[in-house]
C-alpha atoms as a PDB file:
ATOM      1  CA  UNK A   1      97.458 101.810 119.968  1.00  0.00           C
ATOM      2  CA  UNK A   2      95.903 100.021 117.024  1.00  0.00           C
ATOM      3  CA  UNK A   3      92.560  99.680 115.986  1.00  0.00           C
ATOM      4  CA  UNK A   4      90.380  97.657 113.200  1.00  0.00           C
ATOM      5  CA  UNK A   5      88.222  99.517 110.896  1.00  0.00           C
ATOM      6  CA  UNK A   6      84.865  97.831 111.522  1.00  0.00           C
ATOM      7  CA  UNK A   7      82.808  99.880 109.027  1.00  0.00           C
ATOM      8  CA  UNK A   8      82.675  98.894 105.378  1.00  0.00           C
ATOM      9  CA  UNK A   9      84.048 102.265 104.484  1.00  0.00           C
ATOM     10  CA  UNK A  10      85.653 104.722 107.196  1.00  0.00           C
ATOM     11  CA  UNK A  11      86.304 107.820 105.992  1.00  0.00           C
ATOM     12  CA  UNK A  12      89.706 109.351 106.875  1.00  0.00           C
ATOM     13  CA  UNK A  13      89.172 113.160 107.081  1.00  0.00           C
ATOM     14  CA  UNK A  14      91.566 116.138 106.656  1.00  0.00           C
ATOM     15  CA  UNK A  15      90.405 117.518 109.964  1.00  0.00           C
ATOM     16  CA  UNK A  16      88.811 116.064 112.699  1.00  0.00           C
ATOM     17  CA  UNK A  17      85.140 116.754 111.684  1.00  0.00           C
ATOM     18  CA  UNK A  18      82.868 115.770 108.737  1.00  0.00           C
ATOM     19  CA  UNK A  19      82.344 119.165 106.944  1.00  0.00           C
ATOM     20  CA  UNK A  20      85.849 119.417 105.499  1.00  0.00           C
ATOM     21  CA  UNK A  21      87.940 117.898 102.648  1.00  0.00           C
ATOM     22  CA  UNK A  22      87.930 113.897 102.854  1.00  0.00           C
ATOM     23  CA  UNK A  23      91.852 112.714 103.059  1.00  0.00           C
ATOM     24  CA  UNK A  24      91.440 109.179 101.831  1.00  0.00           C
ATOM     25  CA  UNK A  25      89.382 105.961 103.066  1.00  0.00           C
ATOM     26  CA  UNK A  26      90.067 102.990 104.890  1.00  0.00           C
ATOM     27  CA  UNK A  27      88.379  99.799 104.253  1.00  0.00           C
ATOM     28  CA  UNK A  28      86.773  97.193 106.422  1.00  0.00           C
ATOM     29  CA  UNK A  29      89.468  94.816 108.111  1.00  0.00           C
ATOM     30  CA  UNK A  30      92.295  97.309 107.662  1.00  0.00           C
ATOM     31  CA  UNK A  31      94.458  97.643 110.729  1.00  0.00           C
ATOM     32  CA  UNK A  32      95.483 101.341 111.660  1.00  0.00           C
ATOM     33  CA  UNK A  33      97.677 103.101 114.096  1.00  0.00           C
ATOM     34  CA  UNK A  34      95.861 105.578 116.441  1.00  0.00           C
ATOM     35  CA  UNK A  35      98.255 108.520 116.751  1.00  0.00           C
ATOM     36  CA  UNK A  36      96.158 111.125 118.560  1.00  0.00           C
ATOM     37  CA  UNK A  37      93.086 110.795 120.512  1.00  0.00           C
ATOM     38  CA  UNK A  38      91.917 113.953 118.943  1.00  0.00           C
ATOM     39  CA  UNK A  39      88.215 114.825 120.073  1.00  0.00           C
ATOM     40  CA  UNK A  40      85.533 112.499 121.247  1.00  0.00           C
ATOM     41  CA  UNK A  41      84.385 111.904 117.721  1.00  0.00           C
ATOM     42  CA  UNK A  42      87.637 111.535 115.635  1.00  0.00           C
ATOM     43  CA  UNK A  43      90.868 110.189 116.438  1.00  0.00           C
ATOM     44  CA  UNK A  44      94.231 110.779 113.961  1.00  0.00           C
ATOM     45  CA  UNK A  45      95.287 107.638 112.793  1.00  0.00           C
ATOM     46  CA  UNK A  46      97.988 106.153 110.168  1.00  0.00           C
ATOM     47  CA  UNK A  47      97.108 103.365 107.840  1.00  0.00           C
ATOM     48  CA  UNK A  48      99.533 100.469 107.007  1.00  0.00           C
ATOM     49  CA  UNK A  49     100.372 102.418 103.824  1.00  0.00           C
ATOM     50  CA  UNK A  50     101.506 105.070 105.451  1.00  0.00           C
ATOM     51  CA  UNK A  51      98.532 107.775 104.945  1.00  0.00           C
ATOM     52  CA  UNK A  52      97.047 109.885 107.779  1.00  0.00           C
ATOM     53  CA  UNK A  53      93.747 111.399 108.514  1.00  0.00           C
ATOM     54  CA  UNK A  54      91.160 111.630 111.160  1.00  0.00           C
ATOM     55  CA  UNK A  55      88.851 108.599 111.469  1.00  0.00           C
ATOM     56  CA  UNK A  56      85.396 108.519 113.232  1.00  0.00           C
ATOM     57  CA  UNK A  57      85.798 106.581 116.259  1.00  0.00           C
ATOM     58  CA  UNK A  58      82.553 104.785 115.871  1.00  0.00           C
ATOM     59  CA  UNK A  59      84.005 103.170 112.806  1.00  0.00           C
ATOM     60  CA  UNK A  60      87.167 101.684 114.620  1.00  0.00           C
ATOM     61  CA  UNK A  61      87.638  98.722 117.301  1.00  0.00           C
ATOM     62  CA  UNK A  62      90.002  99.987 119.463  1.00  0.00           C
ATOM     63  CA  UNK A  63      92.822  97.895 121.361  1.00  0.00           C
ATOM     64  CA  UNK A  64      96.143  96.333 120.871  1.00  0.00           C
ATOM     65  CA  UNK A  65      94.969  92.794 121.874  1.00  0.00           C
ATOM     66  CA  UNK A  66      91.968  92.834 119.593  1.00  0.00           C
ATOM     67  CA  UNK A  67      94.307  94.236 116.542  1.00  0.00           C
ATOM     68  CA  UNK A  68      97.206  91.573 117.357  1.00  0.00           C
ATOM     69  CA  UNK A  69      94.359  88.961 117.298  1.00  0.00           C
ATOM     70  CA  UNK A  70      93.054  90.103 113.990  1.00  0.00           C
ATOM     71  CA  UNK A  71      96.283  90.471 112.475  1.00  0.00           C
ATOM     72  CA  UNK A  72      97.286  86.861 113.258  1.00  0.00           C
ATOM     73  CA  UNK A  73      94.115  85.306 111.544  1.00  0.00           C
ATOM     74  CA  UNK A  74      94.181  84.170 107.957  1.00  0.00           C
ATOM     75  CA  UNK A  75      92.354  86.349 105.629  1.00  0.00           C
ATOM     76  CA  UNK A  76      90.628  86.754 102.538  1.00  0.00           C
ATOM     77  CA  UNK A  77      89.778  89.896 100.493  1.00  0.00           C
ATOM     78  CA  UNK A  78      86.539  90.977  98.556  1.00  0.00           C
ATOM     79  CA  UNK A  79      87.774  91.050  94.940  1.00  0.00           C
ATOM     80  CA  UNK A  80      85.206  89.701  92.562  1.00  0.00           C
ATOM     81  CA  UNK A  81      82.213  91.654  93.197  1.00  0.00           C
ATOM     82  CA  UNK A  82      81.590  95.477  93.985  1.00  0.00           C
ATOM     83  CA  UNK A  83      79.666  94.700  97.020  1.00  0.00           C
ATOM     84  CA  UNK A  84      78.967  91.525  98.695  1.00  0.00           C
ATOM     85  CA  UNK A  85      76.762  90.461 101.768  1.00  0.00           C
ATOM     86  CA  UNK A  86      77.970  88.568 104.782  1.00  0.00           C
ATOM     87  CA  UNK A  87      75.072  86.198 105.741  1.00  0.00           C
ATOM     88  CA  UNK A  88      74.327  84.704 109.198  1.00  0.00           C
ATOM     89  CA  UNK A  89      73.920  81.352 107.381  1.00  0.00           C
ATOM     90  CA  UNK A  90      75.125  79.593 104.621  1.00  0.00           C
ATOM     91  CA  UNK A  91      72.228  80.308 102.711  1.00  0.00           C
ATOM     92  CA  UNK A  92      70.654  82.944 100.572  1.00  0.00           C
ATOM     93  CA  UNK A  93      67.666  83.392 102.695  1.00  0.00           C
ATOM     94  CA  UNK A  94      69.796  84.002 105.707  1.00  0.00           C
ATOM     95  CA  UNK A  95      69.875  87.593 107.033  1.00  0.00           C
ATOM     96  CA  UNK A  96      72.379  90.178 106.202  1.00  0.00           C
ATOM     97  CA  UNK A  97      74.989  91.057 108.549  1.00  0.00           C
ATOM     98  CA  UNK A  98      77.144  93.404 106.879  1.00  0.00           C
ATOM     99  CA  UNK A  99      77.491  94.533 103.064  1.00  0.00           C
ATOM    100  CA  UNK A 100      81.268  94.827 102.037  1.00  0.00           C
ATOM    101  CA  UNK A 101      83.109  96.373  99.219  1.00  0.00           C
ATOM    102  CA  UNK A 102      85.719  95.220  97.039  1.00  0.00           C
ATOM    103  CA  UNK A 103      88.919  95.760  99.109  1.00  0.00           C
ATOM    104  CA  UNK A 104      87.458  94.782 102.575  1.00  0.00           C
ATOM    105  CA  UNK A 105      89.250  92.124 104.570  1.00  0.00           C
ATOM    106  CA  UNK A 106      87.649  89.087 106.369  1.00  0.00           C
ATOM    107  CA  UNK A 107      88.861  86.277 108.352  1.00  0.00           C
ATOM    108  CA  UNK A 108      88.530  82.984 107.210  1.00  0.00           C
ATOM    109  CA  UNK A 109      88.403  79.421 108.553  1.00  0.00           C
ATOM    110  CA  UNK A 110      90.561  76.722 106.664  1.00  0.00           C
ATOM    111  CA  UNK A 111      88.435  76.206 103.788  1.00  0.00           C
ATOM    112  CA  UNK A 112      84.745  76.484 102.363  1.00  0.00           C
ATOM    113  CA  UNK A 113      81.965  74.842 104.519  1.00  0.00           C
ATOM    114  CA  UNK A 114      81.304  71.069 103.510  1.00  0.00           C
ATOM    115  CA  UNK A 115      78.021  69.629 103.016  1.00  0.00           C
ATOM    116  CA  UNK A 116      77.352  67.791 106.150  1.00  0.00           C
ATOM    117  CA  UNK A 117      75.685  64.813 103.830  1.00  0.00           C
ATOM    118  CA  UNK A 118      77.948  64.419 101.333  1.00  0.00           C
ATOM    119  CA  UNK A 119      81.100  65.732 102.676  1.00  0.00           C
ATOM    120  CA  UNK A 120      81.890  67.726  99.711  1.00  0.00           C
ATOM    121  CA  UNK A 121      82.701  71.569  99.663  1.00  0.00           C
ATOM    122  CA  UNK A 122      79.909  73.984  98.992  1.00  0.00           C
ATOM    123  CA  UNK A 123      79.989  77.317  97.693  1.00  0.00           C
ATOM    124  CA  UNK A 124      80.010  78.848 101.150  1.00  0.00           C
ATOM    125  CA  UNK A 125      82.766  80.232 103.057  1.00  0.00           C
ATOM    126  CA  UNK A 126      82.605  80.810 107.019  1.00  0.00           C
ATOM    127  CA  UNK A 127      84.297  84.073 107.825  1.00  0.00           C
ATOM    128  CA  UNK A 128      85.299  85.883 110.882  1.00  0.00           C
ATOM    129  CA  UNK A 129      84.492  89.518 111.537  1.00  0.00           C
ATOM    130  CA  UNK A 130      86.769  91.957 113.593  1.00  0.00           C
ATOM    131  CA  UNK A 131      84.042  92.081 115.942  1.00  0.00           C
ATOM    132  CA  UNK A 132      84.498  88.193 116.742  1.00  0.00           C
ATOM    133  CA  UNK A 133      81.182  87.479 114.855  1.00  0.00           C
ATOM    134  CA  UNK A 134      80.961  84.730 112.211  1.00  0.00           C
ATOM    135  CA  UNK A 135      79.274  84.861 108.947  1.00  0.00           C
ATOM    136  CA  UNK A 136      78.761  83.408 105.775  1.00  0.00           C
ATOM    137  CA  UNK A 137      80.080  84.658 102.303  1.00  0.00           C
ATOM    138  CA  UNK A 138      80.255  82.961  98.670  1.00  0.00           C
ATOM    139  CA  UNK A 139      83.697  81.439  98.491  1.00  0.00           C
ATOM    140  CA  UNK A 140      83.816  82.674  94.636  1.00  0.00           C
ATOM    141  CA  UNK A 141      83.507  86.418  95.806  1.00  0.00           C
ATOM    142  CA  UNK A 142      86.980  86.299  97.930  1.00  0.00           C
ATOM    143  CA  UNK A 143      90.202  86.094  96.947  1.00  0.00           C
ATOM    144  CA  UNK A 144      93.885  85.794  98.401  1.00  0.00           C
ATOM    145  CA  UNK A 145      94.865  88.725 100.861  1.00  0.00           C
ATOM    146  CA  UNK A 146      98.267  89.385 100.143  1.00  0.00           C
ATOM    147  CA  UNK A 147     100.450  90.928 102.646  1.00  0.00           C
ATOM    148  CA  UNK A 148     103.506  90.858 100.562  1.00  0.00           C
ATOM    149  CA  UNK A 149     103.838  91.541  96.946  1.00  0.00           C
ATOM    150  CA  UNK A 150     102.501  88.665  94.756  1.00  0.00           C
ATOM    151  CA  UNK A 151     104.953  86.289  93.492  1.00  0.00           C
ATOM    152  CA  UNK A 152     104.592  86.417  89.454  1.00  0.00           C
ATOM    153  CA  UNK A 153     106.804  86.944  86.715  1.00  0.00           C
ATOM    154  CA  UNK A 154     106.901  90.454  85.425  1.00  0.00           C
ATOM    155  CA  UNK A 155     104.423  90.345  82.399  1.00  0.00           C
ATOM    156  CA  UNK A 156     101.874  88.510  84.430  1.00  0.00           C
ATOM    157  CA  UNK A 157     101.989  90.985  87.165  1.00  0.00           C
ATOM    158  CA  UNK A 158     101.684  93.853  84.829  1.00  0.00           C
ATOM    159  CA  UNK A 159      98.710  92.292  83.426  1.00  0.00           C
ATOM    160  CA  UNK A 160      97.134  91.337  86.932  1.00  0.00           C
ATOM    161  CA  UNK A 161      97.737  95.157  87.798  1.00  0.00           C
ATOM    162  CA  UNK A 162      95.861  96.260  84.668  1.00  0.00           C
ATOM    163  CA  UNK A 163      92.925  93.489  85.071  1.00  0.00           C
ATOM    164  CA  UNK A 164      92.650  94.747  88.799  1.00  0.00           C
ATOM    165  CA  UNK A 165      92.441  98.344  87.881  1.00  0.00           C
ATOM    166  CA  UNK A 166      89.566  97.530  85.356  1.00  0.00           C
ATOM    167  CA  UNK A 167      87.442  95.972  88.106  1.00  0.00           C
ATOM    168  CA  UNK A 168      86.425  99.447  88.869  1.00  0.00           C
ATOM    169  CA  UNK A 169      85.398 100.663  85.543  1.00  0.00           C
ATOM    170  CA  UNK A 170      82.200 102.813  85.510  1.00  0.00           C
ATOM    171  CA  UNK A 171      82.726 103.831  89.103  1.00  0.00           C
ATOM    172  CA  UNK A 172      81.604 107.262  90.000  1.00  0.00           C
ATOM    173  CA  UNK A 173      84.673 109.652  90.900  1.00  0.00           C
ATOM    174  CA  UNK A 174      84.621 110.304  94.667  1.00  0.00           C
ATOM    175  CA  UNK A 175      87.334 112.850  95.959  1.00  0.00           C
ATOM    176  CA  UNK A 176      89.171 110.622  98.753  1.00  0.00           C
ATOM    177  CA  UNK A 177      87.503 107.627  97.698  1.00  0.00           C
ATOM    178  CA  UNK A 178      89.127 104.225  97.070  1.00  0.00           C
ATOM    179  CA  UNK A 179      85.855 102.003  96.972  1.00  0.00           C
ATOM    180  CA  UNK A 180      83.195 100.911  94.269  1.00  0.00           C
ATOM    181  CA  UNK A 181      80.975 103.560  95.905  1.00  0.00           C
ATOM    182  CA  UNK A 182      83.508 106.075  94.425  1.00  0.00           C
ATOM    183  CA  UNK A 183      87.082 106.388  93.807  1.00  0.00           C
ATOM    184  CA  UNK A 184      89.514 108.985  92.960  1.00  0.00           C
ATOM    185  CA  UNK A 185      92.591 108.766  90.651  1.00  0.00           C
ATOM    186  CA  UNK A 186      95.170 107.916  93.131  1.00  0.00           C
ATOM    187  CA  UNK A 187      92.727 105.854  94.980  1.00  0.00           C
ATOM    188  CA  UNK A 188      92.205 103.604  91.868  1.00  0.00           C
ATOM    189  CA  UNK A 189      96.196 103.510  91.129  1.00  0.00           C
ATOM    190  CA  UNK A 190      97.024 102.694  94.636  1.00  0.00           C
ATOM    191  CA  UNK A 191      94.184  99.797  95.169  1.00  0.00           C
ATOM    192  CA  UNK A 192      95.185  98.463  91.760  1.00  0.00           C
ATOM    193  CA  UNK A 193      98.643  97.480  93.496  1.00  0.00           C
ATOM    194  CA  UNK A 194      97.544  97.143  96.974  1.00  0.00           C
ATOM    195  CA  UNK A 195      95.269  94.207  96.064  1.00  0.00           C
ATOM    196  CA  UNK A 196      98.149  92.726  94.932  1.00  0.00           C
ATOM    197  CA  UNK A 197     100.351  93.164  98.024  1.00  0.00           C
ATOM    198  CA  UNK A 198     102.307  96.135  96.387  1.00  0.00           C
ATOM    199  CA  UNK A 199     102.070  99.471  98.829  1.00  0.00           C
ATOM    200  CA  UNK A 200     102.450 102.688  96.792  1.00  0.00           C
ATOM    201  CA  UNK A 201     102.090 106.123  97.468  1.00  0.00           C
ATOM    202  CA  UNK A 202      98.452 107.224  97.996  1.00  0.00           C
ATOM    203  CA  UNK A 203      98.572 110.408  96.303  1.00  0.00           C
ATOM    204  CA  UNK A 204      99.310 111.471  92.808  1.00  0.00           C
ATOM    205  CA  UNK A 205     103.073 111.798  92.495  1.00  0.00           C
ATOM    206  CA  UNK A 206     106.126 109.836  93.157  1.00  0.00           C
ATOM    207  CA  UNK A 207     107.297 109.723  96.501  1.00  0.00           C
ATOM    208  CA  UNK A 208     110.507 108.758  97.973  1.00  0.00           C
ATOM    209  CA  UNK A 209     110.557 105.548 100.336  1.00  0.00           C
ATOM    210  CA  UNK A 210     107.803 103.946  98.038  1.00  0.00           C
ATOM    211  CA  UNK A 211     108.658 101.345  95.170  1.00  0.00           C
ATOM    212  CA  UNK A 212     107.444 103.453  92.141  1.00  0.00           C
ATOM    213  CA  UNK A 213     110.448 104.884  90.526  1.00  0.00           C
ATOM    214  CA  UNK A 214     110.560 107.258  87.446  1.00  0.00           C
ATOM    215  CA  UNK A 215     111.195 105.634  84.058  1.00  0.00           C
ATOM    216  CA  UNK A 216     111.414 107.379  80.442  1.00  0.00           C
ATOM    217  CA  UNK A 217     108.088 107.666  78.592  1.00  0.00           C
ATOM    218  CA  UNK A 218     109.395 105.455  75.849  1.00  0.00           C
ATOM    219  CA  UNK A 219     109.875 102.436  78.485  1.00  0.00           C
ATOM    220  CA  UNK A 220     106.563 102.803  79.600  1.00  0.00           C
ATOM    221  CA  UNK A 221     104.563  99.204  79.878  1.00  0.00           C
ATOM    222  CA  UNK A 222     101.252  97.984  81.095  1.00  0.00           C
ATOM    223  CA  UNK A 223     100.667  98.521  84.693  1.00  0.00           C
ATOM    224  CA  UNK A 224     103.179 101.671  84.997  1.00  0.00           C
ATOM    225  CA  UNK A 225     101.715 104.985  86.097  1.00  0.00           C
ATOM    226  CA  UNK A 226     101.520 108.367  84.188  1.00  0.00           C
ATOM    227  CA  UNK A 227     101.584 111.425  86.345  1.00  0.00           C
ATOM    228  CA  UNK A 228      99.983 114.616  85.462  1.00  0.00           C
ATOM    229  CA  UNK A 229      99.431 117.712  87.521  1.00  0.00           C
ATOM    230  CA  UNK A 230      97.237 116.574  90.524  1.00  0.00           C
ATOM    231  CA  UNK A 231      96.439 113.269  88.626  1.00  0.00           C
ATOM    232  CA  UNK A 232      97.579 109.745  87.957  1.00  0.00           C
ATOM    233  CA  UNK A 233      96.525 107.011  85.453  1.00  0.00           C
ATOM    234  CA  UNK A 234      97.578 103.396  85.062  1.00  0.00           C
ATOM    235  CA  UNK A 235      99.074 102.818  81.257  1.00  0.00           C
ATOM    236  CA  UNK A 236      97.217  99.603  79.730  1.00  0.00           C
ATOM    237  CA  UNK A 237      99.258  99.126  76.767  1.00  0.00           C
ATOM    238  CA  UNK A 238      98.639 100.111  72.989  1.00  0.00           C
ATOM    239  CA  UNK A 239      98.361 103.611  73.741  1.00  0.00           C
ATOM    240  CA  UNK A 240      95.384 103.157  76.242  1.00  0.00           C
ATOM    241  CA  UNK A 241      95.354 104.037  79.735  1.00  0.00           C
ATOM    242  CA  UNK A 242      92.498 103.785  82.722  1.00  0.00           C
ATOM    243  CA  UNK A 243      91.975 106.595  85.281  1.00  0.00           C
ATOM    244  CA  UNK A 244      89.587 108.002  87.671  1.00  0.00           C
ATOM    245  CA  UNK A 245      88.107 111.553  86.324  1.00  0.00           C
ATOM    246  CA  UNK A 246      85.995 113.948  87.562  1.00  0.00           C
ATOM    247  CA  UNK A 247      85.868 115.758  84.315  1.00  0.00           C
ATOM    248  CA  UNK A 248      82.210 116.478  82.969  1.00  0.00           C
ATOM    249  CA  UNK A 249      81.206 113.801  80.590  1.00  0.00           C
ATOM    250  CA  UNK A 250      83.539 110.821  82.350  1.00  0.00           C
ATOM    251  CA  UNK A 251      82.701 111.364  85.824  1.00  0.00           C
ATOM    252  CA  UNK A 252      84.483 108.202  87.015  1.00  0.00           C
ATOM    253  CA  UNK A 253      86.690 105.633  85.819  1.00  0.00           C
ATOM    254  CA  UNK A 254      87.378 105.163  82.066  1.00  0.00           C
ATOM    255  CA  UNK A 255      89.704 104.250  79.647  1.00  0.00           C
ATOM    256  CA  UNK A 256      91.348 106.861  77.128  1.00  0.00           C
ATOM    257  CA  UNK A 257      93.786 106.688  74.475  1.00  0.00           C
ATOM    258  CA  UNK A 258      97.217 108.507  73.699  1.00  0.00           C
ATOM    259  CA  UNK A 259      96.252 108.266  70.120  1.00  0.00           C
ATOM    260  CA  UNK A 260      95.058 111.685  68.523  1.00  0.00           C
ATOM    261  CA  UNK A 261      93.274 109.814  66.020  1.00  0.00           C
ATOM    262  CA  UNK A 262      91.252 107.390  68.457  1.00  0.00           C
ATOM    263  CA  UNK A 263      87.588 108.543  69.178  1.00  0.00           C
ATOM    264  CA  UNK A 264      88.324 108.348  72.896  1.00  0.00           C
ATOM    265  CA  UNK A 265      91.465 110.449  72.962  1.00  0.00           C
ATOM    266  CA  UNK A 266      91.607 113.196  75.687  1.00  0.00           C
ATOM    267  CA  UNK A 267      93.646 116.179  74.365  1.00  0.00           C
ATOM    268  CA  UNK A 268      94.199 118.101  77.468  1.00  0.00           C
ATOM    269  CA  UNK A 269      96.123 115.211  79.467  1.00  0.00           C
ATOM    270  CA  UNK A 270      98.982 114.001  77.083  1.00  0.00           C
ATOM    271  CA  UNK A 271     100.509 117.291  76.690  1.00  0.00           C
ATOM    272  CA  UNK A 272     100.631 117.611  80.505  1.00  0.00           C
ATOM    273  CA  UNK A 273     102.309 114.337  81.278  1.00  0.00           C
ATOM    274  CA  UNK A 274     105.070 114.968  83.797  1.00  0.00           C
ATOM    275  CA  UNK A 275     106.565 111.766  84.625  1.00  0.00           C
ATOM    276  CA  UNK A 276     106.034 108.094  84.120  1.00  0.00           C
ATOM    277  CA  UNK A 277     106.511 105.728  87.368  1.00  0.00           C
ATOM    278  CA  UNK A 278     107.261 102.062  87.272  1.00  0.00           C
ATOM    279  CA  UNK A 279     107.367  99.210  89.994  1.00  0.00           C
ATOM    280  CA  UNK A 280     109.618  97.210  87.718  1.00  0.00           C
END
């Protein structure tokens, strides 16, 4: 059975309870596969990027029929704001239906709303929510929802991956997190790719069956991934990399340098680099 995530951020726990380690987070509008009706409160699910965890049932809309309807809708993704409101009407004074984080998916009508007097497009987009409700969001907050890798030349795609990761700068570190509320190292790397239609492994290692493959360190280019024991970062070029770190003093998404002479050099990581992975 399928289900739609109907909470802004749905925790995926390592066990069917809250007082345990969080494995991941699923975001609003994602469709997951229900693997096991575990307890009255938590069901084991698998995401479309093949990660598993226990989701609170009250975060899900259950049923294949509804999920298939949702999957068939054209969609947009929240990209250009950390968070944004879905409002009941196309004006700022309308009441807020739900507040969504970057990475959330919404169904859309064919285009932005038009002004009934002038016939010209407005700044509002009518959106459809998984429960069937309609609302309105600023169209500038939304971007293309990619279900397949974005078709760009290599250099342009590399730059886009880096720019996407940079959107999370200064986000706090959160174990298992993948939203602007908090994100961990592999959450940052995976969201940088996922928002461009590329599914990579959610954890901090190269996994067979996913498109990241190991390359020599000297071949590393922007957008490639740097793997350390239990940690992953994205290379930005010019000896700089972006990562989410729980280290005191950083406490989140920061940029560091591989150059020992740079003020933001972090000596404990370069010597522990175990692999470089590339999509290209």
